Amino acid sequence: MRLLQTEWLLTAWRSLRIPLLLVVSYLVLRLAFAALSERHGLGSPDGLSLGYLAVAAILLVLRVALLVVVPAMLAYRVVVAAVTYLLRRGSRADQSAEVETIDEVTPSAG
């Protein structure tokens, strides 16, 4: 039973690893962007710096990925897991029905 729980946790970790890394990256870059915007915001006398624009562009890409791509990917994985579960459950029921049918057809030797 412990091995089954470990496999389940590893499977869950594999499916959530990339979205969690994207969320952590987004939060770290958001803090960096806030710090940069205090010094190099739109209204600063120095104007926009290249670092500010680069962090803003990466942050925009990460935000779109977190709002569009990650939910679509997670929904896809949930649907695949549900369909796989239903197909496995159906195949087990078919196999047990075949065994019962074979037992009924074959005469017992005793």
N, C-alpha and C. Protein backbone atom coordinates (compact mmCIF):
# COMPACT_ATOMS: atom_id res chain seq x y z
N MET A 1 0.82 -1.20 0.00
CA MET A 1 0.00 0.00 0.00
C MET A 1 0.86 1.26 0.00
N ARG A 2 2.00 1.19 0.67
CA ARG A 2 2.88 2.35 0.73
C ARG A 2 3.46 2.67 -0.65
N LEU A 3 3.78 1.63 -1.41
CA LEU A 3 4.31 1.84 -2.76
C LEU A 3 3.27 2.52 -3.64
N LEU A 4 2.02 2.14 -3.50
CA LEU A 4 0.95 2.75 -4.28
C LEU A 4 0.82 4.23 -3.95
N GLN A 5 0.92 4.57 -2.68
CA GLN A 5 0.83 5.98 -2.28
C GLN A 5 2.02 6.76 -2.82
N THR A 6 3.20 6.16 -2.81
CA THR A 6 4.38 6.84 -3.33
C THR A 6 4.24 7.08 -4.83
N GLU A 7 3.75 6.10 -5.56
CA GLU A 7 3.54 6.27 -7.00
C GLU A 7 2.53 7.38 -7.27
N TRP A 8 1.46 7.41 -6.48
CA TRP A 8 0.44 8.44 -6.67
C TRP A 8 1.02 9.82 -6.41
N LEU A 9 1.83 9.95 -5.35
CA LEU A 9 2.44 11.25 -5.05
C LEU A 9 3.42 11.68 -6.14
N LEU A 10 4.19 10.73 -6.66
CA LEU A 10 5.12 11.07 -7.74
C LEU A 10 4.38 11.49 -9.00
N THR A 11 3.28 10.81 -9.30
CA THR A 11 2.47 11.17 -10.46
C THR A 11 1.87 12.57 -10.29
N ALA A 12 1.36 12.84 -9.09
CA ALA A 12 0.80 14.17 -8.82
C ALA A 12 1.88 15.24 -8.91
N TRP A 13 3.07 14.96 -8.38
CA TRP A 13 4.15 15.93 -8.43
C TRP A 13 4.57 16.20 -9.88
N ARG A 14 4.66 15.13 -10.70
CA ARG A 14 5.05 15.31 -12.10
C ARG A 14 4.04 16.18 -12.85
N SER A 15 2.77 16.02 -12.55
CA SER A 15 1.77 16.79 -13.29
C SER A 15 1.67 18.23 -12.80
N LEU A 16 2.08 18.51 -11.57
CA LEU A 16 1.98 19.87 -11.04
C LEU A 16 3.32 20.61 -11.00
N ARG A 17 4.39 19.94 -11.37
CA ARG A 17 5.72 20.53 -11.25
C ARG A 17 5.88 21.78 -12.11
N ILE A 18 5.55 21.71 -13.37
CA ILE A 18 5.75 22.86 -14.27
C ILE A 18 4.83 24.03 -13.92
N PRO A 19 3.52 23.81 -13.66
CA PRO A 19 2.70 24.95 -13.25
C PRO A 19 3.19 25.62 -11.97
N LEU A 20 3.66 24.82 -11.01
CA LEU A 20 4.18 25.42 -9.77
C LEU A 20 5.45 26.23 -10.02
N LEU A 21 6.32 25.73 -10.88
CA LEU A 21 7.52 26.49 -11.21
C LEU A 21 7.17 27.80 -11.92
N LEU A 22 6.17 27.76 -12.78
CA LEU A 22 5.74 28.99 -13.46
C LEU A 22 5.16 29.99 -12.47
N VAL A 23 4.40 29.53 -11.50
CA VAL A 23 3.82 30.43 -10.49
C VAL A 23 4.92 31.05 -9.64
N VAL A 24 5.87 30.25 -9.20
CA VAL A 24 6.97 30.78 -8.39
C VAL A 24 7.79 31.78 -9.22
N SER A 25 8.07 31.46 -10.47
CA SER A 25 8.81 32.39 -11.34
C SER A 25 8.05 33.70 -11.52
N TYR A 26 6.75 33.59 -11.70
CA TYR A 26 5.93 34.79 -11.87
C TYR A 26 5.99 35.68 -10.61
N LEU A 27 5.87 35.05 -9.44
CA LEU A 27 5.89 35.83 -8.20
C LEU A 27 7.24 36.50 -7.97
N VAL A 28 8.32 35.80 -8.27
CA VAL A 28 9.66 36.39 -8.10
C VAL A 28 9.86 37.54 -9.09
N LEU A 29 9.48 37.32 -10.34
CA LEU A 29 9.63 38.40 -11.34
C LEU A 29 8.71 39.58 -11.04
N ARG A 30 7.57 39.32 -10.46
CA ARG A 30 6.67 40.42 -10.10
C ARG A 30 7.30 41.30 -9.03
N LEU A 31 7.97 40.67 -8.06
CA LEU A 31 8.68 41.45 -7.05
C LEU A 31 9.82 42.26 -7.68
N ALA A 32 10.56 41.63 -8.59
CA ALA A 32 11.64 42.34 -9.28
C ALA A 32 11.08 43.49 -10.12
N PHE A 33 9.95 43.27 -10.75
CA PHE A 33 9.32 44.31 -11.57
C PHE A 33 8.86 45.48 -10.70
N ALA A 34 8.32 45.16 -9.52
CA ALA A 34 7.90 46.23 -8.60
C ALA A 34 9.10 47.05 -8.15
N ALA A 35 10.21 46.38 -7.87
CA ALA A 35 11.41 47.11 -7.45
C ALA A 35 11.96 47.96 -8.60
N LEU A 36 11.95 47.41 -9.81
CA LEU A 36 12.43 48.18 -10.96
C LEU A 36 11.51 49.35 -11.28
N SER A 37 10.22 49.17 -11.11
CA SER A 37 9.30 50.25 -11.48
C SER A 37 9.37 51.42 -10.51
N GLU A 38 9.89 51.20 -9.30
CA GLU A 38 10.09 52.32 -8.38
C GLU A 38 11.17 53.26 -8.92
N ARG A 39 12.18 52.69 -9.57
CA ARG A 39 13.29 53.50 -10.07
C ARG A 39 13.14 53.85 -11.55
N HIS A 40 12.60 52.91 -12.34
CA HIS A 40 12.58 53.11 -13.79
C HIS A 40 11.17 52.98 -14.36
N GLY A 41 10.21 53.51 -13.68
CA GLY A 41 8.83 53.43 -14.16
C GLY A 41 8.59 54.35 -15.33
N LEU A 42 7.34 54.41 -15.76
CA LEU A 42 7.00 55.22 -16.93
C LEU A 42 7.20 56.71 -16.68
N GLY A 43 7.01 57.14 -15.45
CA GLY A 43 7.12 58.57 -15.17
C GLY A 43 8.46 58.98 -14.61
N SER A 44 9.46 58.12 -14.63
CA SER A 44 10.77 58.48 -14.05
C SER A 44 11.54 59.39 -15.01
N PRO A 45 12.36 60.27 -14.45
CA PRO A 45 13.13 61.17 -15.32
C PRO A 45 14.18 60.44 -16.15
N ASP A 46 14.63 59.27 -15.68
CA ASP A 46 15.64 58.52 -16.44
C ASP A 46 15.03 57.83 -17.65
N GLY A 47 13.72 57.64 -17.65
CA GLY A 47 13.07 56.93 -18.75
C GLY A 47 13.09 55.43 -18.50
N LEU A 48 12.67 54.71 -19.50
CA LEU A 48 12.62 53.25 -19.38
C LEU A 48 13.99 52.66 -19.66
N SER A 49 14.37 51.69 -18.83
CA SER A 49 15.64 51.01 -19.07
C SER A 49 15.38 49.70 -19.80
N LEU A 50 16.43 49.13 -20.36
CA LEU A 50 16.31 47.88 -21.08
C LEU A 50 15.93 46.73 -20.14
N GLY A 51 16.48 46.74 -18.92
CA GLY A 51 16.14 45.72 -17.93
C GLY A 51 14.67 45.76 -17.55
N TYR A 52 14.15 46.97 -17.39
CA TYR A 52 12.73 47.15 -17.05
C TYR A 52 11.85 46.58 -18.16
N LEU A 53 12.18 46.89 -19.40
CA LEU A 53 11.39 46.40 -20.52
C LEU A 53 11.48 44.88 -20.66
N ALA A 54 12.68 44.32 -20.42
CA ALA A 54 12.86 42.87 -20.51
C ALA A 54 12.04 42.15 -19.45
N VAL A 55 12.10 42.62 -18.21
CA VAL A 55 11.33 42.01 -17.13
C VAL A 55 9.83 42.16 -17.40
N ALA A 56 9.41 43.30 -17.93
CA ALA A 56 7.99 43.52 -18.24
C ALA A 56 7.52 42.55 -19.33
N ALA A 57 8.35 42.33 -20.34
CA ALA A 57 7.97 41.41 -21.42
C ALA A 57 7.90 39.97 -20.92
N ILE A 58 8.89 39.54 -20.12
CA ILE A 58 8.87 38.18 -19.58
C ILE A 58 7.69 38.00 -18.65
N LEU A 59 7.39 39.02 -17.86
CA LEU A 59 6.25 38.95 -16.94
C LEU A 59 4.94 38.85 -17.71
N LEU A 60 4.83 39.54 -18.81
CA LEU A 60 3.63 39.46 -19.64
C LEU A 60 3.46 38.07 -20.23
N VAL A 61 4.54 37.48 -20.72
CA VAL A 61 4.47 36.12 -21.27
C VAL A 61 4.09 35.12 -20.19
N LEU A 62 4.69 35.25 -19.01
CA LEU A 62 4.34 34.35 -17.90
C LEU A 62 2.89 34.52 -17.48
N ARG A 63 2.40 35.73 -17.46
CA ARG A 63 1.01 35.97 -17.07
C ARG A 63 0.04 35.32 -18.06
N VAL A 64 0.32 35.45 -19.35
CA VAL A 64 -0.53 34.81 -20.36
C VAL A 64 -0.47 33.29 -20.22
N ALA A 65 0.72 32.77 -19.97
CA ALA A 65 0.86 31.32 -19.79
C ALA A 65 0.08 30.85 -18.58
N LEU A 66 0.13 31.61 -17.49
CA LEU A 66 -0.58 31.20 -16.28
C LEU A 66 -2.09 31.35 -16.42
N LEU A 67 -2.54 32.28 -17.23
CA LEU A 67 -3.98 32.49 -17.36
C LEU A 67 -4.62 31.64 -18.45
N VAL A 68 -3.85 31.23 -19.45
CA VAL A 68 -4.42 30.50 -20.58
C VAL A 68 -3.87 29.07 -20.69
N VAL A 69 -2.57 28.95 -20.78
CA VAL A 69 -1.95 27.66 -21.08
C VAL A 69 -2.05 26.69 -19.90
N VAL A 70 -1.71 27.13 -18.71
CA VAL A 70 -1.70 26.23 -17.55
C VAL A 70 -3.10 25.70 -17.24
N PRO A 71 -4.15 26.52 -17.19
CA PRO A 71 -5.48 25.94 -16.94
C PRO A 71 -5.91 24.96 -18.03
N ALA A 72 -5.57 25.25 -19.28
CA ALA A 72 -5.91 24.32 -20.36
C ALA A 72 -5.16 23.00 -20.20
N MET A 73 -3.89 23.08 -19.83
CA MET A 73 -3.09 21.87 -19.63
C MET A 73 -3.62 21.05 -18.46
N LEU A 74 -3.95 21.72 -17.36
CA LEU A 74 -4.48 20.99 -16.20
C LEU A 74 -5.85 20.38 -16.50
N ALA A 75 -6.69 21.09 -17.23
CA ALA A 75 -8.00 20.53 -17.60
C ALA A 75 -7.81 19.32 -18.50
N TYR A 76 -6.87 19.39 -19.43
CA TYR A 76 -6.59 18.25 -20.29
C TYR A 76 -6.14 17.04 -19.47
N ARG A 77 -5.26 17.26 -18.52
CA ARG A 77 -4.76 16.15 -17.69
C ARG A 77 -5.86 15.55 -16.83
N VAL A 78 -6.76 16.38 -16.33
CA VAL A 78 -7.88 15.86 -15.52
C VAL A 78 -8.79 15.01 -16.39
N VAL A 79 -9.09 15.47 -17.59
CA VAL A 79 -9.96 14.70 -18.50
C VAL A 79 -9.30 13.38 -18.89
N VAL A 80 -8.01 13.42 -19.20
CA VAL A 80 -7.30 12.19 -19.56
C VAL A 80 -7.30 11.21 -18.39
N ALA A 81 -7.07 11.70 -17.18
CA ALA A 81 -7.06 10.82 -16.01
C ALA A 81 -8.45 10.22 -15.78
N ALA A 82 -9.50 11.01 -15.95
CA ALA A 82 -10.86 10.50 -15.76
C ALA A 82 -11.21 9.45 -16.81
N VAL A 83 -10.87 9.71 -18.06
CA VAL A 83 -11.16 8.75 -19.13
C VAL A 83 -10.36 7.46 -18.92
N THR A 84 -9.11 7.60 -18.55
CA THR A 84 -8.28 6.42 -18.28
C THR A 84 -8.86 5.59 -17.13
N TYR A 85 -9.30 6.27 -16.09
CA TYR A 85 -9.91 5.56 -14.95
C TYR A 85 -11.17 4.83 -15.38
N LEU A 86 -12.01 5.48 -16.15
CA LEU A 86 -13.26 4.85 -16.60
C LEU A 86 -12.99 3.67 -17.52
N LEU A 87 -12.01 3.80 -18.41
CA LEU A 87 -11.68 2.70 -19.30
C LEU A 87 -11.10 1.51 -18.55
N ARG A 88 -10.25 1.78 -17.55
CA ARG A 88 -9.70 0.68 -16.75
C ARG A 88 -10.79 -0.01 -15.96
N ARG A 89 -11.69 0.77 -15.39
CA ARG A 89 -12.78 0.19 -14.61
C ARG A 89 -13.69 -0.64 -15.51
N GLY A 90 -13.95 -0.16 -16.72
CA GLY A 90 -14.78 -0.90 -17.67
C GLY A 90 -14.10 -2.17 -18.13
N SER A 91 -12.79 -2.13 -18.34
CA SER A 91 -12.08 -3.34 -18.80
C SER A 91 -12.03 -4.39 -17.69
N ARG A 92 -11.95 -3.96 -16.43
CA ARG A 92 -11.98 -4.92 -15.32
C ARG A 92 -13.34 -5.59 -15.23
N ALA A 93 -14.40 -4.83 -15.44
CA ALA A 93 -15.75 -5.41 -15.41
C ALA A 93 -15.93 -6.39 -16.56
N ASP A 94 -15.40 -6.07 -17.74
CA ASP A 94 -15.49 -6.98 -18.89
C ASP A 94 -14.72 -8.27 -18.63
N GLN A 95 -13.55 -8.16 -18.02
CA GLN A 95 -12.74 -9.34 -17.74
C GLN A 95 -13.43 -10.25 -16.72
N SER A 96 -14.03 -9.67 -15.70
CA SER A 96 -14.72 -10.49 -14.70
C SER A 96 -15.96 -11.14 -15.31
N ALA A 97 -16.63 -10.46 -16.23
CA ALA A 97 -17.79 -11.05 -16.90
C ALA A 97 -17.36 -12.20 -17.80
N GLU A 98 -16.19 -12.08 -18.47
CA GLU A 98 -15.67 -13.17 -19.31
C GLU A 98 -15.35 -14.39 -18.46
N VAL A 99 -14.75 -14.19 -17.30
CA VAL A 99 -14.39 -15.30 -16.43
C VAL A 99 -15.65 -16.02 -15.97
N GLU A 100 -16.68 -15.28 -15.60
CA GLU A 100 -17.94 -15.90 -15.17
C GLU A 100 -18.56 -16.69 -16.32
N THR A 101 -18.53 -16.17 -17.53
CA THR A 101 -19.10 -16.84 -18.69
C THR A 101 -18.32 -18.12 -18.98
N ILE A 102 -17.00 -18.06 -18.93
CA ILE A 102 -16.18 -19.26 -19.18
C ILE A 102 -16.45 -20.32 -18.13
N ASP A 103 -16.60 -19.92 -16.87
CA ASP A 103 -16.87 -20.86 -15.79
C ASP A 103 -18.23 -21.55 -16.00
N GLU A 104 -19.21 -20.80 -16.51
CA GLU A 104 -20.54 -21.37 -16.72
C GLU A 104 -20.53 -22.35 -17.89
N VAL A 105 -19.75 -22.09 -18.93
CA VAL A 105 -19.73 -22.93 -20.13
C VAL A 105 -18.93 -24.21 -19.88
N THR A 106 -17.79 -24.12 -19.19
CA THR A 106 -16.94 -25.29 -18.98
C THR A 106 -17.50 -26.16 -17.86
N PRO A 107 -17.70 -27.43 -18.13
CA PRO A 107 -18.18 -28.31 -17.07
C PRO A 107 -17.07 -28.60 -16.07
N SER A 108 -17.42 -28.70 -14.85
CA SER A 108 -16.40 -28.97 -13.82
C SER A 108 -16.10 -30.46 -13.77
N ALA A 109 -14.87 -30.78 -13.44
CA ALA A 109 -14.43 -32.18 -13.44
C ALA A 109 -14.80 -32.89 -12.15
N GLY A 110 -15.35 -32.22 -11.18
CA GLY A 110 -15.60 -32.86 -9.89
C GLY A 110 -16.97 -33.20 -9.70
